[in-house]
């Protein structure tokens, strides 16, 4: 969508409708936005009928909300009275926290279901920064008529995904939204810095044994770094680390096999250390390479 602020103003009004009629191309709109519109089209969404879903039985004490609450409290007075509002959502696109700017903006957001308890995913609301950042797993900007839904085209949104610092998985998203005529680059900075602050809080909240495992996993006996064989891609390395964390948390002997993106198979073996409550985890690859992400439970 966007890695940096784009002040191009978005495409012309009704370009989504032209796209649905087969008359819009990448020459008319940013490629990432066009890809999102295609996902919306494939999901059967139409610009005039999308609607945020109000969900019940939500866990407002889940990890990402607990991590974000102090961050949002600290920024409440910063946002109050301004032309922007900010949101926290979980990995499924459910909104849990909102800091309001001007009251009129709050009422406008309520009218489109941009409020705690509603799901604002791309699958529900079409192309929007909050939901599309979760799909793209990266920073996202959606401006005015780039929104798939007609009712969102008066807004500009910036969003940054929240990645868990131990597993690397996307646990949620922070979005900053305002009217098109007052949108600016500061919105993206606020979204990015707020997401980073929540990620730091997630690390602080992590169970001590998980952090100890990660620190051990990242350190060889001579103090060097060797999390896994160096030819693994980042996604596979993070997956191995996350699996090792879970094995140590189980606190017992276990064997887990994982398919890697390059076609190889990783086997993780967890074994209790005799005379200790610690768990050692060893990973081996189908090509014979081996690493020892040792952890203590």
Protein backbone atom coordinates (compact mmCIF):
# COMPACT_ATOMS: atom_id res chain seq x y z
CA UNK A 1 0.00 0.00 0.00
CA UNK A 2 2.58 2.58 1.14
CA UNK A 3 5.87 2.51 3.00
CA UNK A 4 6.00 6.31 3.15
CA UNK A 5 3.49 9.15 3.07
CA UNK A 6 1.80 9.59 -0.32
CA UNK A 7 0.15 12.99 -0.77
CA UNK A 8 -1.15 12.22 -4.24
CA UNK A 9 -4.72 12.65 -3.04
CA UNK A 10 -5.96 9.25 -4.18
CA UNK A 11 -7.70 8.30 -7.44
CA UNK A 12 -10.66 10.10 -8.96
CA UNK A 13 -14.09 9.61 -7.42
CA UNK A 14 -15.92 6.50 -8.64
CA UNK A 15 -12.73 4.86 -9.93
CA UNK A 16 -13.67 1.74 -7.94
CA UNK A 17 -16.84 1.53 -9.98
CA UNK A 18 -14.82 1.91 -13.18
CA UNK A 19 -12.56 -0.90 -11.95
CA UNK A 20 -15.57 -3.15 -11.35
CA UNK A 21 -16.66 -2.41 -14.92
CA UNK A 22 -13.21 -3.45 -16.15
CA UNK A 23 -12.17 0.11 -17.09
CA UNK A 24 -9.45 0.89 -14.50
CA UNK A 25 -5.83 -0.31 -14.58
CA UNK A 26 -2.53 0.17 -12.72
CA UNK A 27 -2.05 3.31 -14.79
CA UNK A 28 -4.98 4.85 -12.93
CA UNK A 29 -4.35 3.70 -9.36
CA UNK A 30 -1.49 2.39 -7.21
CA UNK A 31 -0.78 -1.30 -7.79
CA UNK A 32 -1.25 -2.30 -4.15
CA UNK A 33 -4.67 -0.61 -4.04
CA UNK A 34 -5.67 -2.36 -7.26
CA UNK A 35 -4.64 -5.70 -5.77
CA UNK A 36 -6.82 -4.99 -2.73
CA UNK A 37 -9.78 -4.07 -4.95
CA UNK A 38 -9.35 -7.40 -6.74
CA UNK A 39 -9.46 -9.23 -3.40
CA UNK A 40 -12.66 -7.35 -2.55
CA UNK A 41 -14.17 -8.23 -5.91
CA UNK A 42 -13.26 -11.91 -5.50
CA UNK A 43 -14.87 -11.86 -2.04
CA UNK A 44 -18.13 -10.63 -3.58
CA UNK A 45 -18.09 -7.19 -1.92
CA UNK A 46 -19.86 -4.21 -3.49
CA UNK A 47 -18.98 -0.56 -2.68
CA UNK A 48 -22.44 0.43 -1.51
CA UNK A 49 -23.29 -2.53 0.72
CA UNK A 50 -20.22 -3.29 2.86
CA UNK A 51 -20.82 -3.05 6.59
CA UNK A 52 -18.72 -3.44 9.73
CA UNK A 53 -19.86 -6.34 11.90
CA UNK A 54 -20.57 -5.87 15.61
CA UNK A 55 -19.27 -8.89 17.51
CA UNK A 56 -20.09 -10.14 20.99
CA UNK A 57 -18.17 -12.09 23.61
CA UNK A 58 -14.87 -10.33 22.90
CA UNK A 59 -11.82 -10.63 25.15
CA UNK A 60 -10.92 -7.04 26.03
CA UNK A 61 -8.13 -8.39 28.25
CA UNK A 62 -6.24 -10.24 25.52
CA UNK A 63 -2.49 -9.76 25.24
CA UNK A 64 -2.38 -7.11 22.51
CA UNK A 65 -5.07 -5.02 24.24
CA UNK A 66 -3.27 -5.20 27.60
CA UNK A 67 -0.05 -4.17 25.87
CA UNK A 68 -1.69 -1.28 24.01
CA UNK A 69 -3.86 0.15 26.78
CA UNK A 70 -1.06 2.16 28.50
CA UNK A 71 0.11 3.42 25.10
CA UNK A 72 -3.39 4.64 24.23
CA UNK A 73 -3.86 6.20 27.65
CA UNK A 74 -0.60 8.11 27.24
CA UNK A 75 -1.66 9.40 23.81
CA UNK A 76 -5.27 10.20 24.68
CA UNK A 77 -4.59 13.88 25.43
CA UNK A 78 -2.32 14.14 22.40
CA UNK A 79 -5.14 13.08 20.07
CA UNK A 80 -8.03 14.80 21.90
CA UNK A 81 -9.41 17.80 20.02
CA UNK A 82 -7.40 17.12 16.86
CA UNK A 83 -8.66 16.11 13.43
CA UNK A 84 -7.54 12.47 13.82
CA UNK A 85 -8.58 9.40 15.75
CA UNK A 86 -6.51 6.26 16.39
CA UNK A 87 -7.55 2.64 16.71
CA UNK A 88 -6.20 -0.64 18.00
CA UNK A 89 -7.30 -3.89 16.43
CA UNK A 90 -6.40 -7.55 16.86
CA UNK A 91 -5.09 -9.88 14.15
CA UNK A 92 -8.62 -10.66 12.93
CA UNK A 93 -9.48 -7.00 12.37
CA UNK A 94 -11.67 -6.43 15.43
CA UNK A 95 -11.41 -2.92 16.89
CA UNK A 96 -10.74 -2.85 20.64
CA UNK A 97 -9.52 0.65 21.51
CA UNK A 98 -10.16 4.12 20.08
CA UNK A 99 -8.72 7.51 20.94
CA UNK A 100 -11.04 10.20 19.64
CA UNK A 101 -10.12 13.53 18.15
CA UNK A 102 -12.79 16.14 17.51
CA UNK A 103 -16.32 15.11 18.57
CA UNK A 104 -17.62 15.57 15.03
CA UNK A 105 -15.02 13.09 13.76
CA UNK A 106 -16.04 10.63 16.45
CA UNK A 107 -19.67 10.82 15.31
CA UNK A 108 -18.65 10.32 11.68
CA UNK A 109 -16.62 7.25 12.62
CA UNK A 110 -19.47 5.83 14.69
CA UNK A 111 -21.71 6.15 11.64
CA UNK A 112 -19.49 3.78 9.61
CA UNK A 113 -18.89 1.30 12.46
CA UNK A 114 -15.33 2.37 13.20
CA UNK A 115 -15.66 1.74 16.94
CA UNK A 116 -14.65 -0.85 19.56
CA UNK A 117 -16.49 -4.13 19.18
CA UNK A 118 -16.79 -3.91 15.39
CA UNK A 119 -14.75 -5.91 12.92
CA UNK A 120 -13.20 -3.66 10.28
CA UNK A 121 -11.27 -6.24 8.29
CA UNK A 122 -10.74 -5.95 4.56
CA UNK A 123 -13.10 -8.90 4.11
CA UNK A 124 -15.86 -6.92 5.87
CA UNK A 125 -15.20 -3.31 4.85
CA UNK A 126 -13.18 -3.62 1.67
CA UNK A 127 -9.95 -1.69 1.11
CA UNK A 128 -9.11 0.35 4.21
CA UNK A 129 -5.83 1.02 6.01
CA UNK A 130 -6.83 -0.76 9.23
CA UNK A 131 -7.92 -4.01 7.55
CA UNK A 132 -5.60 -3.99 4.55
CA UNK A 133 -2.47 -3.57 6.69
CA UNK A 134 -3.33 -6.92 8.29
CA UNK A 135 -3.64 -8.57 4.88
CA UNK A 136 -0.48 -6.96 3.50
CA UNK A 137 1.39 -7.37 6.83
CA UNK A 138 3.03 -3.98 6.32
CA UNK A 139 2.46 -0.24 6.68
CA UNK A 140 -0.56 0.89 4.72
CA UNK A 141 -2.08 4.18 3.53
CA UNK A 142 -5.52 4.40 1.96
CA UNK A 143 -6.64 7.82 0.80
CA UNK A 144 -10.16 9.01 -0.05
CA UNK A 145 -11.46 7.24 -3.13
CA UNK A 146 -8.92 4.44 -2.77
CA UNK A 147 -11.38 3.03 -0.23
CA UNK A 148 -13.56 0.32 -1.73
CA UNK A 149 -16.59 1.32 0.34
CA UNK A 150 -18.43 4.48 -0.65
CA UNK A 151 -19.00 5.50 2.99
CA UNK A 152 -15.25 5.56 3.75
CA UNK A 153 -14.17 7.84 0.90
CA UNK A 154 -14.24 10.97 3.04
CA UNK A 155 -11.41 9.58 5.19
CA UNK A 156 -7.68 8.98 4.87
CA UNK A 157 -6.17 6.21 6.99
CA UNK A 158 -2.66 5.10 7.92
CA UNK A 159 -1.99 1.79 9.64
CA UNK A 160 0.99 -0.16 10.96
CA UNK A 161 0.89 -3.86 11.91
CA UNK A 162 1.94 -4.92 15.41
CA UNK A 163 4.39 -7.84 15.34
CA UNK A 164 5.04 -9.96 18.41
CA UNK A 165 8.75 -9.48 19.18
CA UNK A 166 9.32 -13.14 20.06
CA UNK A 167 7.37 -14.99 17.37
CA UNK A 168 7.28 -12.39 14.61
CA UNK A 169 3.58 -13.04 14.04
CA UNK A 170 1.21 -10.12 13.43
CA UNK A 171 -0.81 -9.74 16.63
CA UNK A 172 -2.73 -6.61 15.71
CA UNK A 173 -2.76 -3.22 14.04
CA UNK A 174 -2.81 0.48 14.90
CA UNK A 175 -4.56 2.86 12.54
CA UNK A 176 -4.76 6.65 12.50
CA UNK A 177 -7.68 8.17 10.57
CA UNK A 178 -8.78 11.68 9.65
CA UNK A 179 -10.72 13.64 7.03
CA UNK A 180 -9.12 13.83 3.60
CA UNK A 181 -8.60 17.58 3.72
CA UNK A 182 -6.52 17.48 6.92
CA UNK A 183 -4.54 14.27 6.34
CA UNK A 184 -0.77 14.60 6.65
CA UNK A 185 2.47 12.67 7.12
CA UNK A 186 2.30 13.03 10.92
CA UNK A 187 -0.52 10.47 10.91
CA UNK A 188 1.79 7.79 9.56
CA UNK A 189 4.50 8.68 12.09
CA UNK A 190 1.96 8.38 14.92
CA UNK A 191 0.80 4.97 13.67
CA UNK A 192 4.35 3.62 13.32
CA UNK A 193 5.59 4.91 16.68
CA UNK A 194 2.50 3.69 18.48
CA UNK A 195 2.83 0.21 16.97
CA UNK A 196 6.50 0.11 18.02
CA UNK A 197 5.53 1.12 21.57
CA UNK A 198 2.98 -1.71 21.76
CA UNK A 199 5.58 -4.17 20.48
CA UNK A 200 7.92 -3.11 23.29
CA UNK A 201 5.12 -3.66 25.78
CA UNK A 202 4.47 -7.14 24.36
CA UNK A 203 8.11 -8.03 24.94
CA UNK A 204 7.97 -6.75 28.50
CA UNK A 205 4.87 -8.86 29.12
CA UNK A 206 6.35 -12.04 27.66
CA UNK A 207 6.78 -14.87 30.14
CA UNK A 208 10.27 -14.96 31.61
CA UNK A 209 10.98 -18.46 30.37
CA UNK A 210 10.04 -17.46 26.80
CA UNK A 211 12.41 -14.50 26.87
CA UNK A 212 15.14 -16.67 28.36
CA UNK A 213 14.66 -19.19 25.57
CA UNK A 214 14.87 -16.51 22.92
CA UNK A 215 18.05 -15.06 24.39
CA UNK A 216 19.63 -18.51 24.57
CA UNK A 217 18.43 -19.39 21.09
CA UNK A 218 20.09 -16.29 19.68
CA UNK A 219 23.43 -17.00 21.35
CA UNK A 220 26.04 -19.65 20.64
CA UNK A 221 28.38 -20.81 23.46
CA UNK A 222 31.04 -18.32 22.33
CA UNK A 223 28.59 -15.43 22.32
CA UNK A 224 27.95 -15.34 18.57
CA UNK A 225 24.54 -15.31 16.94
CA UNK A 226 23.28 -18.49 15.29
CA UNK A 227 19.52 -18.79 15.59
CA UNK A 228 19.30 -21.34 12.79
CA UNK A 229 21.26 -22.34 9.66
CA UNK A 230 22.00 -19.11 7.82
CA UNK A 231 20.42 -20.27 4.54
CA UNK A 232 16.93 -20.19 6.04
CA UNK A 233 14.67 -17.31 5.07
CA UNK A 234 13.43 -14.94 7.78
CA UNK A 235 9.94 -16.50 7.83
CA UNK A 236 11.30 -20.00 8.44
CA UNK A 237 13.72 -18.77 11.10
CA UNK A 238 10.90 -17.02 12.98
CA UNK A 239 8.71 -20.13 12.66
CA UNK A 240 11.45 -22.29 14.19
CA UNK A 241 11.94 -19.83 17.04
CA UNK A 242 8.20 -19.71 17.75
CA UNK A 243 7.96 -23.51 17.74
CA UNK A 244 10.90 -23.75 20.17
CA UNK A 245 9.19 -21.28 22.52
CA UNK A 246 6.03 -23.39 22.55
CA UNK A 247 7.92 -26.63 23.14
CA UNK A 248 9.73 -25.17 26.15
CA UNK A 249 6.43 -23.81 27.50
CA UNK A 250 4.96 -27.35 27.37
CA UNK A 251 7.72 -28.51 29.73
CA UNK A 252 7.95 -32.10 28.48
CA UNK A 253 9.59 -34.31 25.86
CA UNK A 254 8.12 -33.81 22.40
CA UNK A 255 8.91 -34.03 18.71
CA UNK A 256 7.54 -31.60 16.12
CA UNK A 257 8.06 -31.66 12.34
CA UNK A 258 7.72 -28.47 10.29
CA UNK A 259 7.58 -28.01 6.52
CA UNK A 260 9.85 -25.16 5.40
CA UNK A 261 9.20 -22.85 2.47
CA UNK A 262 12.11 -24.31 0.46
CA UNK A 263 10.69 -27.85 0.61
CA UNK A 264 12.90 -29.13 3.44
CA UNK A 265 11.57 -30.44 6.74
CA UNK A 266 12.71 -29.27 10.16
CA UNK A 267 12.45 -31.64 13.13
CA UNK A 268 12.44 -30.11 16.61
CA UNK A 269 13.11 -32.40 19.56
CA UNK A 270 12.42 -31.18 23.11
CA UNK A 271 14.06 -33.10 25.97
CA UNK A 272 14.09 -32.47 29.74
CA UNK A 273 17.58 -31.89 31.14
CA UNK A 274 18.40 -34.46 33.80
CA UNK A 275 18.57 -32.98 37.29
CA UNK A 276 16.88 -29.76 36.19
CA UNK A 277 13.49 -28.37 35.27
CA UNK A 278 14.97 -26.99 32.04
CA UNK A 279 14.00 -28.15 28.57
CA UNK A 280 16.53 -28.42 25.74
CA UNK A 281 15.30 -28.06 22.16
CA UNK A 282 17.32 -29.26 19.18
CA UNK A 283 16.36 -28.63 15.56
CA UNK A 284 17.61 -30.61 12.57
CA UNK A 285 16.91 -30.15 8.87
CA UNK A 286 16.24 -32.79 6.26
CA UNK A 287 19.57 -31.97 4.56
CA UNK A 288 21.50 -32.89 7.73
CA UNK A 289 22.13 -29.43 9.18
CA UNK A 290 21.57 -29.01 12.88
CA UNK A 291 21.09 -26.20 15.35
CA UNK A 292 20.52 -26.23 19.10
CA UNK A 293 17.98 -23.66 20.31
CA UNK A 294 18.45 -24.61 23.96
CA UNK A 295 15.98 -23.14 26.41
CA UNK A 296 15.19 -23.32 30.07
CA UNK A 297 11.59 -23.65 31.13
